[in-house]
Amino acid sequence: MLRALRQACDADDRHAAAKVLLDLGRVEWPDDPPRGLAALADRLRVGSAEILSLDRSLYGTDGSPWSGEALRDALTDGLRPTSPAGSAEASGLEALYRSDPAGAPAH
């Protein structure tokens, strides 16, 4: 699928790029796929600004041409989801609250 995304971006084909991105989202989150590009952008560490730009080019009223170069460059390694917001691991607190095997808090 990444090849298809690169091809769509290289051809500046915004419709094909959007379709591939949503297909990638369905693969990454099969139980709760993003319903649109904005929802997909919210789940990513990298490339969200480029995806939102694509979304604006598809549904905005300015009718300006879209260049896929920035999106292609941002997603060369595919989708990189963010860590769950507020999780101990995401905030770096997990190590502080690990307990030893006896159940005493780690110091």
C-alpha atoms as a PDB file:
ATOM      1  CA  MET A   1       0.000   0.000   0.000  1.00  0.00           C
ATOM      2  CA  LEU A   2       2.890   2.379   0.618  1.00  0.00           C
ATOM      3  CA  ARG A   3       3.877   2.020  -3.016  1.00  0.00           C
ATOM      4  CA  ALA A   4       0.356   3.030  -4.049  1.00  0.00           C
ATOM      5  CA  LEU A   5       0.549   6.045  -1.728  1.00  0.00           C
ATOM      6  CA  ARG A   6       3.910   7.097  -3.201  1.00  0.00           C
ATOM      7  CA  GLN A   7       2.518   6.724  -6.717  1.00  0.00           C
ATOM      8  CA  ALA A   8      -0.564   8.795  -5.888  1.00  0.00           C
ATOM      9  CA  CYS A   9       1.591  11.486  -4.288  1.00  0.00           C
ATOM     10  CA  ASP A  10       4.059  11.520  -7.190  1.00  0.00           C
ATOM     11  CA  ALA A  11       1.142  11.916  -9.610  1.00  0.00           C
ATOM     12  CA  ASP A  12      -0.448  14.590  -7.363  1.00  0.00           C
ATOM     13  CA  ASP A  13      -3.604  12.459  -7.407  1.00  0.00           C
ATOM     14  CA  ARG A  14      -5.401  13.677  -4.300  1.00  0.00           C
ATOM     15  CA  HIS A  15      -8.335  11.259  -4.629  1.00  0.00           C
ATOM     16  CA  ALA A  16      -6.102   8.198  -4.918  1.00  0.00           C
ATOM     17  CA  ALA A  17      -3.928   9.408  -2.019  1.00  0.00           C
ATOM     18  CA  ALA A  18      -6.981   9.862   0.194  1.00  0.00           C
ATOM     19  CA  LYS A  19      -8.271   6.392  -0.655  1.00  0.00           C
ATOM     20  CA  VAL A  20      -4.920   4.744   0.108  1.00  0.00           C
ATOM     21  CA  LEU A  21      -4.581   6.645   3.382  1.00  0.00           C
ATOM     22  CA  LEU A  22      -8.007   5.503   4.538  1.00  0.00           C
ATOM     23  CA  ASP A  23      -7.174   1.938   3.450  1.00  0.00           C
ATOM     24  CA  LEU A  24      -3.988   2.134   5.553  1.00  0.00           C
ATOM     25  CA  GLY A  25      -6.061   3.407   8.454  1.00  0.00           C
ATOM     26  CA  ARG A  26      -8.375   0.406   8.169  1.00  0.00           C
ATOM     27  CA  VAL A  27      -5.369  -1.915   8.279  1.00  0.00           C
ATOM     28  CA  GLU A  28      -3.811  -0.127  11.279  1.00  0.00           C
ATOM     29  CA  TRP A  29      -7.064   0.113  13.270  1.00  0.00           C
ATOM     30  CA  PRO A  30      -9.309  -2.706  11.993  1.00  0.00           C
ATOM     31  CA  ASP A  31     -11.621  -2.524  15.029  1.00  0.00           C
ATOM     32  CA  ASP A  32     -12.013   1.265  14.909  1.00  0.00           C
ATOM     33  CA  PRO A  33     -10.922   2.636  11.522  1.00  0.00           C
ATOM     34  CA  PRO A  34     -10.781   6.401  11.042  1.00  0.00           C
ATOM     35  CA  ARG A  35     -13.862   7.650   9.201  1.00  0.00           C
ATOM     36  CA  GLY A  36     -12.082  10.445   7.393  1.00  0.00           C
ATOM     37  CA  LEU A  37      -8.754  12.105   6.801  1.00  0.00           C
ATOM     38  CA  ALA A  38      -9.092  14.455   9.780  1.00  0.00           C
ATOM     39  CA  ALA A  39      -9.768  11.496  12.077  1.00  0.00           C
ATOM     40  CA  LEU A  40      -6.726   9.726  10.635  1.00  0.00           C
ATOM     41  CA  ALA A  41      -4.548  12.806  11.122  1.00  0.00           C
ATOM     42  CA  ASP A  42      -5.550  12.919  14.805  1.00  0.00           C
ATOM     43  CA  ARG A  43      -4.084   9.445  15.328  1.00  0.00           C
ATOM     44  CA  LEU A  44      -0.631  10.086  13.863  1.00  0.00           C
ATOM     45  CA  ARG A  45       2.686  11.349  15.230  1.00  0.00           C
ATOM     46  CA  VAL A  46       3.974  12.324  11.793  1.00  0.00           C
ATOM     47  CA  GLY A  47       2.200  13.544   8.690  1.00  0.00           C
ATOM     48  CA  SER A  48      -0.953  14.948  10.255  1.00  0.00           C
ATOM     49  CA  ALA A  49      -0.434  18.447   8.815  1.00  0.00           C
ATOM     50  CA  GLU A  50       0.073  17.004   5.345  1.00  0.00           C
ATOM     51  CA  ILE A  51      -3.045  14.834   5.638  1.00  0.00           C
ATOM     52  CA  LEU A  52      -5.086  17.831   6.763  1.00  0.00           C
ATOM     53  CA  SER A  53      -3.748  19.775   3.783  1.00  0.00           C
ATOM     54  CA  LEU A  54      -4.921  16.968   1.503  1.00  0.00           C
ATOM     55  CA  ASP A  55      -8.317  17.015   3.221  1.00  0.00           C
ATOM     56  CA  ARG A  56      -8.614  20.782   2.653  1.00  0.00           C
ATOM     57  CA  SER A  57      -7.646  20.388  -0.995  1.00  0.00           C
ATOM     58  CA  LEU A  58     -10.347  17.766  -1.483  1.00  0.00           C
ATOM     59  CA  TYR A  59     -13.161  19.531   0.312  1.00  0.00           C
ATOM     60  CA  GLY A  60     -12.125  23.190   0.347  1.00  0.00           C
ATOM     61  CA  THR A  61     -13.570  25.801  -1.963  1.00  0.00           C
ATOM     62  CA  ASP A  62     -10.357  27.356  -3.272  1.00  0.00           C
ATOM     63  CA  GLY A  63      -9.852  24.723  -6.003  1.00  0.00           C
ATOM     64  CA  SER A  64      -6.071  25.066  -5.888  1.00  0.00           C
ATOM     65  CA  PRO A  65      -3.912  22.213  -7.162  1.00  0.00           C
ATOM     66  CA  TRP A  66      -2.457  19.780  -4.645  1.00  0.00           C
ATOM     67  CA  SER A  67       1.147  18.613  -4.541  1.00  0.00           C
ATOM     68  CA  GLY A  68       1.747  15.227  -2.956  1.00  0.00           C
ATOM     69  CA  GLU A  69       5.459  15.752  -2.337  1.00  0.00           C
ATOM     70  CA  ALA A  70       5.139  16.808   1.320  1.00  0.00           C
ATOM     71  CA  LEU A  71       2.762  13.947   2.123  1.00  0.00           C
ATOM     72  CA  ARG A  72       5.007  11.417   0.399  1.00  0.00           C
ATOM     73  CA  ASP A  73       8.042  12.677   2.322  1.00  0.00           C
ATOM     74  CA  ALA A  74       6.212  12.680   5.664  1.00  0.00           C
ATOM     75  CA  LEU A  75       4.892   9.123   5.322  1.00  0.00           C
ATOM     76  CA  THR A  76       7.856   7.325   3.761  1.00  0.00           C
ATOM     77  CA  ASP A  77       7.774   4.837   6.660  1.00  0.00           C
ATOM     78  CA  GLY A  78       3.991   4.501   6.682  1.00  0.00           C
ATOM     79  CA  LEU A  79       1.568   5.519   9.390  1.00  0.00           C
ATOM     80  CA  ARG A  80       3.114   6.063  12.797  1.00  0.00           C
ATOM     81  CA  PRO A  81       0.347   6.145  15.397  1.00  0.00           C
ATOM     82  CA  THR A  82       0.654   8.249  18.499  1.00  0.00           C
ATOM     83  CA  SER A  83       0.732   6.597  21.898  1.00  0.00           C
ATOM     84  CA  PRO A  84      -2.591   6.596  23.698  1.00  0.00           C
ATOM     85  CA  ALA A  85      -3.101  10.021  25.231  1.00  0.00           C
ATOM     86  CA  GLY A  86      -2.715  10.146  28.967  1.00  0.00           C
ATOM     87  CA  SER A  87      -1.222   6.697  29.323  1.00  0.00           C
ATOM     88  CA  ALA A  88       1.515   6.244  31.902  1.00  0.00           C
ATOM     89  CA  GLU A  89       3.852   4.928  29.214  1.00  0.00           C
ATOM     90  CA  ALA A  90       3.190   7.884  26.924  1.00  0.00           C
ATOM     91  CA  SER A  91       3.892  10.364  29.698  1.00  0.00           C
ATOM     92  CA  GLY A  92       7.063   8.609  30.840  1.00  0.00           C
ATOM     93  CA  LEU A  93       5.601   7.791  34.263  1.00  0.00           C
ATOM     94  CA  GLU A  94       5.383   4.035  33.806  1.00  0.00           C
ATOM     95  CA  ALA A  95       8.920   3.421  35.085  1.00  0.00           C
ATOM     96  CA  LEU A  96       8.229   5.483  38.208  1.00  0.00           C
ATOM     97  CA  TYR A  97       5.270   3.356  39.215  1.00  0.00           C
ATOM     98  CA  ARG A  98       6.536  -0.118  38.422  1.00  0.00           C
ATOM     99  CA  SER A  99       6.594  -2.390  41.415  1.00  0.00           C
ATOM    100  CA  ASP A 100       9.079  -5.079  42.247  1.00  0.00           C
ATOM    101  CA  PRO A 101       8.000  -8.736  42.256  1.00  0.00           C
ATOM    102  CA  ALA A 102       7.175  -8.535  45.978  1.00  0.00           C
ATOM    103  CA  GLY A 103       4.672  -5.771  45.260  1.00  0.00           C
ATOM    104  CA  ALA A 104       6.572  -2.878  46.853  1.00  0.00           C
ATOM    105  CA  PRO A 105       6.739   0.296  44.755  1.00  0.00           C
ATOM    106  CA  ALA A 106      10.003   0.869  42.917  1.00  0.00           C
ATOM    107  CA  HIS A 107      12.192   3.659  44.291  1.00  0.00           C
END
